[in-house]
C-alpha atoms as a PDB file:
ATOM      1  CA  MET A   1      -3.398 -13.458 -23.947  1.00  0.00           C
ATOM      2  CA  SER A   2      -2.618 -16.180 -21.418  1.00  0.00           C
ATOM      3  CA  ALA A   3      -4.938 -15.319 -18.498  1.00  0.00           C
ATOM      4  CA  ARG A   4      -8.099 -17.278 -17.791  1.00  0.00           C
ATOM      5  CA  ILE A   5     -11.197 -15.103 -18.113  1.00  0.00           C
ATOM      6  CA  LEU A   6     -13.429 -14.922 -15.045  1.00  0.00           C
ATOM      7  CA  ASP A   7     -16.807 -14.736 -16.758  1.00  0.00           C
ATOM      8  CA  GLY A   8     -19.235 -12.737 -14.631  1.00  0.00           C
ATOM      9  CA  ASN A   9     -21.991 -13.121 -17.198  1.00  0.00           C
ATOM     10  CA  ALA A  10     -21.964 -16.915 -16.902  1.00  0.00           C
ATOM     11  CA  VAL A  11     -21.659 -16.968 -13.105  1.00  0.00           C
ATOM     12  CA  GLY A  12     -24.331 -14.307 -12.726  1.00  0.00           C
ATOM     13  CA  ARG A  13     -26.732 -16.337 -14.865  1.00  0.00           C
ATOM     14  CA  ALA A  14     -26.101 -19.401 -12.718  1.00  0.00           C
ATOM     15  CA  ILE A  15     -26.899 -17.464  -9.533  1.00  0.00           C
ATOM     16  CA  ARG A  16     -30.091 -16.048 -11.008  1.00  0.00           C
ATOM     17  CA  GLU A  17     -31.206 -19.539 -12.028  1.00  0.00           C
ATOM     18  CA  GLU A  18     -30.715 -20.708  -8.445  1.00  0.00           C
ATOM     19  CA  LEU A  19     -32.715 -17.734  -7.191  1.00  0.00           C
ATOM     20  CA  ARG A  20     -35.576 -18.458  -9.590  1.00  0.00           C
ATOM     21  CA  ALA A  21     -36.526 -21.545  -7.557  1.00  0.00           C
ATOM     22  CA  GLU A  22     -36.371 -19.571  -4.297  1.00  0.00           C
ATOM     23  CA  VAL A  23     -38.590 -16.831  -5.714  1.00  0.00           C
ATOM     24  CA  ALA A  24     -41.116 -19.448  -6.843  1.00  0.00           C
ATOM     25  CA  GLU A  25     -41.079 -21.116  -3.422  1.00  0.00           C
ATOM     26  CA  LEU A  26     -41.638 -17.793  -1.650  1.00  0.00           C
ATOM     27  CA  GLY A  27     -44.377 -16.893  -4.107  1.00  0.00           C
ATOM     28  CA  ALA A  28     -46.170 -20.162  -3.385  1.00  0.00           C
ATOM     29  CA  ARG A  29     -46.291 -19.043   0.256  1.00  0.00           C
ATOM     30  CA  GLY A  30     -47.771 -15.688  -0.749  1.00  0.00           C
ATOM     31  CA  ARG A  31     -44.577 -13.678  -0.369  1.00  0.00           C
ATOM     32  CA  VAL A  32     -43.352 -12.536  -3.775  1.00  0.00           C
ATOM     33  CA  PRO A  33     -40.054 -10.659  -3.291  1.00  0.00           C
ATOM     34  CA  GLY A  34     -40.648  -6.982  -4.021  1.00  0.00           C
ATOM     35  CA  LEU A  35     -37.912  -4.581  -5.126  1.00  0.00           C
ATOM     36  CA  SER A  36     -38.368  -0.835  -5.591  1.00  0.00           C
ATOM     37  CA  VAL A  37     -35.609   1.101  -7.336  1.00  0.00           C
ATOM     38  CA  VAL A  38     -35.637   4.888  -7.055  1.00  0.00           C
ATOM     39  CA  LEU A  39     -33.896   6.970  -9.721  1.00  0.00           C
ATOM     40  CA  VAL A  40     -33.597  10.740  -9.366  1.00  0.00           C
ATOM     41  CA  GLY A  41     -32.629  12.557 -12.547  1.00  0.00           C
ATOM     42  CA  GLU A  42     -31.530  11.256 -15.917  1.00  0.00           C
ATOM     43  CA  ASN A  43     -27.913  10.186 -15.506  1.00  0.00           C
ATOM     44  CA  PRO A  44     -27.294   7.975 -18.586  1.00  0.00           C
ATOM     45  CA  ALA A  45     -25.174   5.421 -16.714  1.00  0.00           C
ATOM     46  CA  SER A  46     -27.728   5.229 -13.905  1.00  0.00           C
ATOM     47  CA  GLU A  47     -30.519   4.722 -16.447  1.00  0.00           C
ATOM     48  CA  VAL A  48     -28.672   1.703 -17.849  1.00  0.00           C
ATOM     49  CA  TYR A  49     -28.036   0.201 -14.420  1.00  0.00           C
ATOM     50  CA  VAL A  50     -31.648   0.696 -13.312  1.00  0.00           C
ATOM     51  CA  ARG A  51     -32.997  -0.855 -16.505  1.00  0.00           C
ATOM     52  CA  MET A  52     -30.772  -3.921 -16.070  1.00  0.00           C
ATOM     53  CA  LYS A  53     -31.809  -4.341 -12.435  1.00  0.00           C
ATOM     54  CA  GLY A  54     -35.492  -4.112 -13.301  1.00  0.00           C
ATOM     55  CA  LYS A  55     -35.134  -6.606 -16.132  1.00  0.00           C
ATOM     56  CA  ALA A  56     -33.317  -9.113 -13.897  1.00  0.00           C
ATOM     57  CA  ALA A  57     -36.023  -8.848 -11.226  1.00  0.00           C
ATOM     58  CA  ASP A  58     -38.812  -9.292 -13.777  1.00  0.00           C
ATOM     59  CA  GLU A  59     -37.138 -12.368 -15.258  1.00  0.00           C
ATOM     60  CA  LEU A  60     -36.989 -13.974 -11.819  1.00  0.00           C
ATOM     61  CA  GLY A  61     -40.667 -13.400 -11.187  1.00  0.00           C
ATOM     62  CA  MET A  62     -40.167 -10.728  -8.544  1.00  0.00           C
ATOM     63  CA  ARG A  63     -42.444  -7.760  -8.046  1.00  0.00           C
ATOM     64  CA  ALA A  64     -40.251  -4.974  -9.409  1.00  0.00           C
ATOM     65  CA  ALA A  65     -40.944  -1.251  -9.650  1.00  0.00           C
ATOM     66  CA  THR A  66     -38.798   1.624 -10.866  1.00  0.00           C
ATOM     67  CA  ILE A  67     -39.751   5.042  -9.528  1.00  0.00           C
ATOM     68  CA  ARG A  68     -38.329   7.972 -11.487  1.00  0.00           C
ATOM     69  CA  LEU A  69     -38.172  11.463 -10.027  1.00  0.00           C
ATOM     70  CA  PRO A  70     -37.078  14.640 -11.817  1.00  0.00           C
ATOM     71  CA  VAL A  71     -33.609  15.958 -11.121  1.00  0.00           C
ATOM     72  CA  GLU A  72     -34.993  19.050  -9.366  1.00  0.00           C
ATOM     73  CA  THR A  73     -36.879  16.954  -6.768  1.00  0.00           C
ATOM     74  CA  ALA A  74     -36.427  18.287  -3.238  1.00  0.00           C
ATOM     75  CA  GLU A  75     -34.743  16.049  -0.691  1.00  0.00           C
ATOM     76  CA  ALA A  76     -37.858  16.177   1.520  1.00  0.00           C
ATOM     77  CA  GLU A  77     -39.943  14.738  -1.320  1.00  0.00           C
ATOM     78  CA  LEU A  78     -37.546  11.825  -1.768  1.00  0.00           C
ATOM     79  CA  LEU A  79     -37.534  11.161   1.973  1.00  0.00           C
ATOM     80  CA  ALA A  80     -41.335  11.124   2.016  1.00  0.00           C
ATOM     81  CA  LEU A  81     -41.307   8.570  -0.808  1.00  0.00           C
ATOM     82  CA  LEU A  82     -38.883   6.382   1.129  1.00  0.00           C
ATOM     83  CA  ASP A  83     -41.160   6.582   4.170  1.00  0.00           C
ATOM     84  CA  ARG A  84     -44.032   5.237   2.066  1.00  0.00           C
ATOM     85  CA  LEU A  85     -41.893   2.420   0.680  1.00  0.00           C
ATOM     86  CA  ASN A  86     -40.618   1.608   4.154  1.00  0.00           C
ATOM     87  CA  ALA A  87     -44.211   1.177   5.296  1.00  0.00           C
ATOM     88  CA  ASP A  88     -45.291  -0.948   2.313  1.00  0.00           C
ATOM     89  CA  ALA A  89     -45.285  -4.635   3.297  1.00  0.00           C
ATOM     90  CA  ALA A  90     -45.138  -5.682  -0.370  1.00  0.00           C
ATOM     91  CA  VAL A  91     -41.782  -3.936  -0.768  1.00  0.00           C
ATOM     92  CA  HIS A  92     -38.993  -6.046   0.707  1.00  0.00           C
ATOM     93  CA  GLY A  93     -36.036  -4.224  -0.811  1.00  0.00           C
ATOM     94  CA  ILE A  94     -35.405  -0.568  -1.631  1.00  0.00           C
ATOM     95  CA  LEU A  95     -32.504   0.715  -3.687  1.00  0.00           C
ATOM     96  CA  VAL A  96     -31.772   4.403  -4.248  1.00  0.00           C
ATOM     97  CA  GLN A  97     -29.619   4.703  -7.343  1.00  0.00           C
ATOM     98  CA  LEU A  98     -26.489   6.778  -6.769  1.00  0.00           C
ATOM     99  CA  PRO A  99     -25.238   9.408  -7.421  1.00  0.00           C
ATOM    100  CA  LEU A 100     -27.961  11.762  -6.232  1.00  0.00           C
ATOM    101  CA  PRO A 101     -28.417  15.384  -7.360  1.00  0.00           C
ATOM    102  CA  LYS A 102     -26.445  18.012  -5.472  1.00  0.00           C
ATOM    103  CA  GLN A 103     -29.430  19.242  -3.421  1.00  0.00           C
ATOM    104  CA  MET A 104     -29.625  15.863  -1.685  1.00  0.00           C
ATOM    105  CA  LYS A 105     -27.313  14.494   0.996  1.00  0.00           C
ATOM    106  CA  THR A 106     -26.517  10.870   0.238  1.00  0.00           C
ATOM    107  CA  ASP A 107     -25.946   9.979   3.882  1.00  0.00           C
ATOM    108  CA  THR A 108     -29.291  11.475   4.945  1.00  0.00           C
ATOM    109  CA  VAL A 109     -31.130   9.583   2.212  1.00  0.00           C
ATOM    110  CA  LEU A 110     -29.493   6.210   2.892  1.00  0.00           C
ATOM    111  CA  ARG A 111     -30.102   6.485   6.635  1.00  0.00           C
ATOM    112  CA  ARG A 112     -33.820   7.048   5.952  1.00  0.00           C
ATOM    113  CA  LEU A 113     -34.164   3.476   4.654  1.00  0.00           C
ATOM    114  CA  ARG A 114     -35.263   0.824   7.095  1.00  0.00           C
ATOM    115  CA  PRO A 115     -32.135  -1.349   7.519  1.00  0.00           C
ATOM    116  CA  GLU A 116     -34.127  -4.513   6.791  1.00  0.00           C
ATOM    117  CA  LYS A 117     -35.061  -3.090   3.361  1.00  0.00           C
ATOM    118  CA  ASP A 118     -31.612  -1.681   2.531  1.00  0.00           C
ATOM    119  CA  VAL A 119     -30.671  -4.294  -0.081  1.00  0.00           C
ATOM    120  CA  ASP A 120     -27.676  -2.222  -1.213  1.00  0.00           C
ATOM    121  CA  GLY A 121     -26.133  -2.741   2.246  1.00  0.00           C
ATOM    122  CA  PHE A 122     -25.162   0.907   2.802  1.00  0.00           C
ATOM    123  CA  HIS A 123     -27.157   1.728   5.948  1.00  0.00           C
ATOM    124  CA  PRO A 124     -24.850   2.113   9.003  1.00  0.00           C
ATOM    125  CA  ILE A 125     -26.600  -0.771  10.754  1.00  0.00           C
ATOM    126  CA  ASN A 126     -25.900  -3.123   7.850  1.00  0.00           C
ATOM    127  CA  VAL A 127     -22.321  -1.840   7.645  1.00  0.00           C
ATOM    128  CA  GLY A 128     -21.851  -2.601  11.343  1.00  0.00           C
ATOM    129  CA  LYS A 129     -23.395  -6.047  10.980  1.00  0.00           C
ATOM    130  CA  LEU A 130     -21.045  -6.772   8.085  1.00  0.00           C
ATOM    131  CA  VAL A 131     -17.994  -5.829  10.151  1.00  0.00           C
ATOM    132  CA  ILE A 132     -18.948  -8.167  13.012  1.00  0.00           C
ATOM    133  CA  GLY A 133     -19.884 -10.991  10.647  1.00  0.00           C
ATOM    134  CA  ASP A 134     -23.655 -10.990  11.221  1.00  0.00           C
ATOM    135  CA  ARG A 135     -25.109 -13.005   8.321  1.00  0.00           C
ATOM    136  CA  THR A 136     -28.499 -11.270   8.566  1.00  0.00           C
ATOM    137  CA  ALA A 137     -26.878  -8.143   7.120  1.00  0.00           C
ATOM    138  CA  TYR A 138     -27.136  -7.337   3.439  1.00  0.00           C
ATOM    139  CA  ARG A 139     -23.646  -7.289   2.022  1.00  0.00           C
ATOM    140  CA  PRO A 140     -22.989  -4.512  -0.529  1.00  0.00           C
ATOM    141  CA  CYS A 141     -23.689  -6.008  -3.921  1.00  0.00           C
ATOM    142  CA  THR A 142     -20.416  -5.359  -5.737  1.00  0.00           C
ATOM    143  CA  PRO A 143     -18.110  -6.584  -2.921  1.00  0.00           C
ATOM    144  CA  ALA A 144     -20.309  -9.646  -2.359  1.00  0.00           C
ATOM    145  CA  GLY A 145     -20.261 -10.252  -6.102  1.00  0.00           C
ATOM    146  CA  VAL A 146     -16.466 -10.142  -6.165  1.00  0.00           C
ATOM    147  CA  GLN A 147     -16.255 -12.816  -3.469  1.00  0.00           C
ATOM    148  CA  GLU A 148     -18.876 -14.991  -5.147  1.00  0.00           C
ATOM    149  CA  LEU A 149     -17.176 -14.744  -8.534  1.00  0.00           C
ATOM    150  CA  LEU A 150     -13.844 -15.811  -7.061  1.00  0.00           C
ATOM    151  CA  LEU A 151     -15.335 -18.790  -5.243  1.00  0.00           C
ATOM    152  CA  ARG A 152     -17.399 -20.016  -8.167  1.00  0.00           C
ATOM    153  CA  CYS A 153     -14.342 -19.810 -10.387  1.00  0.00           C
ATOM    154  CA  GLY A 154     -12.405 -22.028  -7.968  1.00  0.00           C
ATOM    155  CA  ILE A 155     -10.352 -19.248  -6.368  1.00  0.00           C
ATOM    156  CA  ASP A 156     -10.456 -19.419  -2.559  1.00  0.00           C
ATOM    157  CA  PRO A 157      -9.114 -16.286  -0.792  1.00  0.00           C
ATOM    158  CA  ARG A 158      -8.225 -18.329   2.311  1.00  0.00           C
ATOM    159  CA  GLY A 159      -4.605 -17.632   3.249  1.00  0.00           C
ATOM    160  CA  GLN A 160      -4.068 -15.494   0.146  1.00  0.00           C
ATOM    161  CA  HIS A 161      -2.681 -11.973   0.114  1.00  0.00           C
ATOM    162  CA  VAL A 162      -5.462  -9.793  -1.268  1.00  0.00           C
ATOM    163  CA  VAL A 163      -4.504  -6.260  -2.259  1.00  0.00           C
ATOM    164  CA  ILE A 164      -7.346  -3.797  -2.818  1.00  0.00           C
ATOM    165  CA  VAL A 165      -6.748  -0.560  -4.690  1.00  0.00           C
ATOM    166  CA  GLY A 166      -9.407   1.883  -3.514  1.00  0.00           C
ATOM    167  CA  ARG A 167     -10.997   2.486  -0.112  1.00  0.00           C
ATOM    168  CA  SER A 168     -14.495   3.677  -1.019  1.00  0.00           C
ATOM    169  CA  LEU A 169     -17.484   2.872   1.178  1.00  0.00           C
ATOM    170  CA  ILE A 170     -19.110   1.201  -1.828  1.00  0.00           C
ATOM    171  CA  VAL A 171     -16.343  -1.249  -2.782  1.00  0.00           C
ATOM    172  CA  GLY A 172     -12.912  -0.968  -1.177  1.00  0.00           C
ATOM    173  CA  ARG A 173     -13.691  -1.027   2.520  1.00  0.00           C
ATOM    174  CA  PRO A 174     -16.597  -3.511   2.412  1.00  0.00           C
ATOM    175  CA  VAL A 175     -14.730  -6.007   0.229  1.00  0.00           C
ATOM    176  CA  ALA A 176     -11.841  -5.809   2.697  1.00  0.00           C
ATOM    177  CA  ASN A 177     -14.243  -6.536   5.567  1.00  0.00           C
ATOM    178  CA  ILE A 178     -15.828  -9.447   3.707  1.00  0.00           C
ATOM    179  CA  LEU A 179     -12.526 -11.120   2.872  1.00  0.00           C
ATOM    180  CA  LEU A 180     -11.126 -10.602   6.392  1.00  0.00           C
ATOM    181  CA  GLN A 181     -13.959 -12.537   8.033  1.00  0.00           C
ATOM    182  CA  ASP A 182     -13.212 -15.803   9.802  1.00  0.00           C
ATOM    183  CA  ALA A 183     -15.645 -17.575   7.508  1.00  0.00           C
ATOM    184  CA  PRO A 184     -15.761 -19.801   4.433  1.00  0.00           C
ATOM    185  CA  GLY A 185     -14.684 -17.938   1.323  1.00  0.00           C
ATOM    186  CA  ALA A 186     -12.689 -15.413   3.357  1.00  0.00           C
ATOM    187  CA  ASN A 187      -9.763 -15.641   5.815  1.00  0.00           C
ATOM    188  CA  ALA A 188      -7.532 -13.624   3.497  1.00  0.00           C
ATOM    189  CA  THR A 189      -4.671 -11.355   4.484  1.00  0.00           C
ATOM    190  CA  VAL A 190      -5.820  -7.963   3.204  1.00  0.00           C
ATOM    191  CA  THR A 191      -3.912  -4.824   2.247  1.00  0.00           C
ATOM    192  CA  VAL A 192      -5.881  -1.712   1.253  1.00  0.00           C
ATOM    193  CA  CYS A 193      -4.180   0.885  -0.927  1.00  0.00           C
ATOM    194  CA  HIS A 194      -5.511   4.347  -1.724  1.00  0.00           C
ATOM    195  CA  THR A 195      -4.608   7.746  -3.141  1.00  0.00           C
ATOM    196  CA  LYS A 196      -2.081   8.434  -0.375  1.00  0.00           C
ATOM    197  CA  THR A 197      -0.291   5.085  -0.756  1.00  0.00           C
ATOM    198  CA  GLN A 198       3.338   5.528  -1.766  1.00  0.00           C
ATOM    199  CA  HIS A 199       5.008   3.111  -4.190  1.00  0.00           C
ATOM    200  CA  LEU A 200       1.693   1.493  -5.165  1.00  0.00           C
ATOM    201  CA  ALA A 201       3.297  -1.063  -7.478  1.00  0.00           C
ATOM    202  CA  ARG A 202       5.272  -2.518  -4.550  1.00  0.00           C
ATOM    203  CA  PHE A 203       1.977  -3.647  -3.042  1.00  0.00           C
ATOM    204  CA  THR A 204       0.134  -4.651  -6.204  1.00  0.00           C
ATOM    205  CA  ARG A 205       3.017  -6.855  -7.372  1.00  0.00           C
ATOM    206  CA  ASP A 206       2.804  -8.755  -4.077  1.00  0.00           C
ATOM    207  CA  ALA A 207      -0.888  -9.621  -4.485  1.00  0.00           C
ATOM    208  CA  ASP A 208      -2.074 -13.165  -4.951  1.00  0.00           C
ATOM    209  CA  ILE A 209      -5.446 -11.558  -5.664  1.00  0.00           C
ATOM    210  CA  LEU A 210      -5.563  -7.940  -6.832  1.00  0.00           C
ATOM    211  CA  ILE A 211      -8.916  -6.146  -6.622  1.00  0.00           C
ATOM    212  CA  VAL A 212      -8.942  -2.767  -8.334  1.00  0.00           C
ATOM    213  CA  ALA A 213     -11.636  -0.172  -7.616  1.00  0.00           C
ATOM    214  CA  ALA A 214      -9.634   3.005  -8.116  1.00  0.00           C
ATOM    215  CA  GLY A 215     -12.128   4.928 -10.235  1.00  0.00           C
ATOM    216  CA  ARG A 216      -9.460   5.831 -12.796  1.00  0.00           C
ATOM    217  CA  PRO A 217      -9.190   4.283 -16.261  1.00  0.00           C
ATOM    218  CA  GLU A 218      -6.367   1.773 -16.791  1.00  0.00           C
ATOM    219  CA  VAL A 219      -4.349   2.956 -13.790  1.00  0.00           C
ATOM    220  CA  ILE A 220      -2.984  -0.563 -13.170  1.00  0.00           C
ATOM    221  CA  THR A 221      -0.614  -1.688 -15.916  1.00  0.00           C
ATOM    222  CA  GLY A 222       0.900  -5.067 -16.687  1.00  0.00           C
ATOM    223  CA  ASP A 223       4.172  -4.380 -14.896  1.00  0.00           C
ATOM    224  CA  MET A 224       2.241  -3.780 -11.639  1.00  0.00           C
ATOM    225  CA  ILE A 225       0.824  -7.316 -11.526  1.00  0.00           C
ATOM    226  CA  ARG A 226       2.294 -10.453 -10.030  1.00  0.00           C
ATOM    227  CA  PRO A 227       2.865 -13.116 -12.715  1.00  0.00           C
ATOM    228  CA  GLY A 228       0.136 -15.713 -12.414  1.00  0.00           C
ATOM    229  CA  GLY A 229      -1.919 -13.634  -9.976  1.00  0.00           C
ATOM    230  CA  VAL A 230      -5.668 -13.082 -10.041  1.00  0.00           C
ATOM    231  CA  VAL A 231      -6.930  -9.661 -11.135  1.00  0.00           C
ATOM    232  CA  VAL A 232     -10.474  -8.452 -10.404  1.00  0.00           C
ATOM    233  CA  ASP A 233     -11.253  -5.180 -12.162  1.00  0.00           C
ATOM    234  CA  VAL A 234     -14.233  -3.396 -10.617  1.00  0.00           C
ATOM    235  CA  GLY A 235     -13.890  -0.209 -12.639  1.00  0.00           C
ATOM    236  CA  VAL A 236     -16.049   0.865 -15.570  1.00  0.00           C
ATOM    237  CA  ASN A 237     -14.875   3.991 -17.374  1.00  0.00           C
ATOM    238  CA  ARG A 238     -16.013   5.587 -20.608  1.00  0.00           C
ATOM    239  CA  VAL A 239     -13.086   6.849 -22.705  1.00  0.00           C
ATOM    240  CA  ASP A 240     -13.262   8.665 -26.020  1.00  0.00           C
ATOM    241  CA  ASP A 241     -12.478   6.546 -29.061  1.00  0.00           C
ATOM    242  CA  PRO A 242     -13.241   8.093 -32.477  1.00  0.00           C
ATOM    243  CA  ALA A 243     -12.745   4.669 -34.092  1.00  0.00           C
ATOM    244  CA  ALA A 244     -15.569   3.121 -32.046  1.00  0.00           C
ATOM    245  CA  GLU A 245     -19.119   3.106 -33.391  1.00  0.00           C
ATOM    246  CA  LYS A 246     -20.430   5.158 -30.450  1.00  0.00           C
ATOM    247  CA  GLY A 247     -17.362   7.384 -30.267  1.00  0.00           C
ATOM    248  CA  TYR A 248     -16.276   5.857 -26.966  1.00  0.00           C
ATOM    249  CA  ARG A 249     -15.393   2.523 -25.402  1.00  0.00           C
ATOM    250  CA  LEU A 250     -15.622   1.068 -21.932  1.00  0.00           C
ATOM    251  CA  VAL A 251     -12.443   0.203 -20.060  1.00  0.00           C
ATOM    252  CA  GLY A 252     -11.695  -0.863 -16.527  1.00  0.00           C
ATOM    253  CA  ASP A 253      -9.243   0.460 -13.960  1.00  0.00           C
ATOM    254  CA  VAL A 254      -6.764  -2.153 -15.236  1.00  0.00           C
ATOM    255  CA  LYS A 255      -5.051  -2.006 -18.635  1.00  0.00           C
ATOM    256  CA  PHE A 256      -6.529  -5.303 -19.794  1.00  0.00           C
ATOM    257  CA  SER A 257      -4.303  -5.956 -22.837  1.00  0.00           C
ATOM    258  CA  GLU A 258      -1.167  -5.822 -20.667  1.00  0.00           C
ATOM    259  CA  ALA A 259      -2.610  -7.438 -17.546  1.00  0.00           C
ATOM    260  CA  ALA A 260      -3.969 -10.442 -19.437  1.00  0.00           C
ATOM    261  CA  GLU A 261      -0.446 -11.313 -20.578  1.00  0.00           C
ATOM    262  CA  VAL A 262       0.813 -11.450 -16.989  1.00  0.00           C
ATOM    263  CA  ALA A 263      -2.077 -12.581 -14.795  1.00  0.00           C
ATOM    264  CA  GLY A 264      -3.243 -16.138 -14.318  1.00  0.00           C
ATOM    265  CA  ALA A 265      -6.897 -15.076 -14.246  1.00  0.00           C
ATOM    266  CA  ILE A 266      -8.669 -11.769 -14.891  1.00  0.00           C
ATOM    267  CA  THR A 267     -12.137 -10.249 -15.138  1.00  0.00           C
ATOM    268  CA  PRO A 268     -13.102  -8.500 -18.376  1.00  0.00           C
ATOM    269  CA  VAL A 269     -14.771  -5.082 -18.609  1.00  0.00           C
ATOM    270  CA  PRO A 270     -17.613  -5.294 -19.363  1.00  0.00           C
ATOM    271  CA  GLY A 271     -18.789  -8.798 -18.462  1.00  0.00           C
ATOM    272  CA  GLY A 272     -16.874  -9.341 -15.240  1.00  0.00           C
ATOM    273  CA  VAL A 273     -17.969  -7.789 -11.955  1.00  0.00           C
ATOM    274  CA  GLY A 274     -20.968  -5.871 -13.353  1.00  0.00           C
ATOM    275  CA  PRO A 275     -23.273  -8.883 -13.865  1.00  0.00           C
ATOM    276  CA  MET A 276     -22.303 -10.154 -10.416  1.00  0.00           C
ATOM    277  CA  THR A 277     -23.457  -6.895  -8.821  1.00  0.00           C
ATOM    278  CA  ILE A 278     -26.926  -7.338 -10.301  1.00  0.00           C
ATOM    279  CA  ALA A 279     -27.068 -11.011  -9.304  1.00  0.00           C
ATOM    280  CA  MET A 280     -26.199 -10.166  -5.703  1.00  0.00           C
ATOM    281  CA  LEU A 281     -28.849  -7.437  -5.614  1.00  0.00           C
ATOM    282  CA  MET A 282     -31.377 -10.093  -6.578  1.00  0.00           C
ATOM    283  CA  LYS A 283     -29.976 -12.386  -3.883  1.00  0.00           C
ATOM    284  CA  ASN A 284     -30.241  -9.639  -1.246  1.00  0.00           C
ATOM    285  CA  THR A 285     -33.852  -8.976  -2.236  1.00  0.00           C
ATOM    286  CA  VAL A 286     -34.740 -12.647  -1.859  1.00  0.00           C
ATOM    287  CA  GLN A 287     -32.986 -12.640   1.521  1.00  0.00           C
ATOM    288  CA  ALA A 288     -35.034  -9.579   2.521  1.00  0.00           C
ATOM    289  CA  ALA A 289     -38.253 -11.365   1.596  1.00  0.00           C
ATOM    290  CA  ARG A 290     -37.227 -14.420   3.627  1.00  0.00           C
ATOM    291  CA  GLN A 291     -36.324 -12.298   6.644  1.00  0.00           C
ATOM    292  CA  ALA A 292     -39.441 -10.107   6.495  1.00  0.00           C
ATOM    293  CA  ALA A 293     -41.506 -10.235   9.648  1.00  0.00           C
END
């Protein structure tokens, strides 16, 4: 392996240490950042994510609460809960863990959040603010984490050709908007590829920085990567592996063993983008506490 590893664990720890001082300063003024995470059902992956988010908030000295609802909960009951959290001055940030059960409409639920408490950055008002470059918006945690990881590893997107594989509202489109901004840490030339893109490898091989959020295990292989390029793998997929202790292993959307022989720098899975997502959620919650009226 020749590629430099972009260590999200180390960078995420550094960000959380910086936030610790901000949380203490806010607490001294009587405003302890409060984060409420709502989990509906018992999705194993969601349980892990929620536990990690709660632990990170606790370690920073935030006021953290995880609210668990049974999978059969009616949408109206969830909306009523969000109304109560919206009205609670001690709660600065609210996160509804996705995916939601089939009886709930994700768009309806996310729009019920007050935009100033939407620390996931998915409310239409925050999306619009992101597009126009309004810094009071909460940037979606994974895209913001990708940008922060690049910058803190000495990789400036300015003037670079960034190719994004995936156009989801959670990663692909917001990371494109972030890196297109006329702002420090951005000013990239961005190409977004998706399921209807023909000759995908023609685009990925032209990327100075390749960001992959395709939602498919190991879809990007070594021959699809520009030699010496930067590869950011957002995907986390569980694949069966009888030889593994748990009977499965986690892989990204990039075939790491091949990509690491070609790329100049690459994120691992796990330990790359995942820790950055949690760090940026903490950062958004502190921002929400600072901006609270």
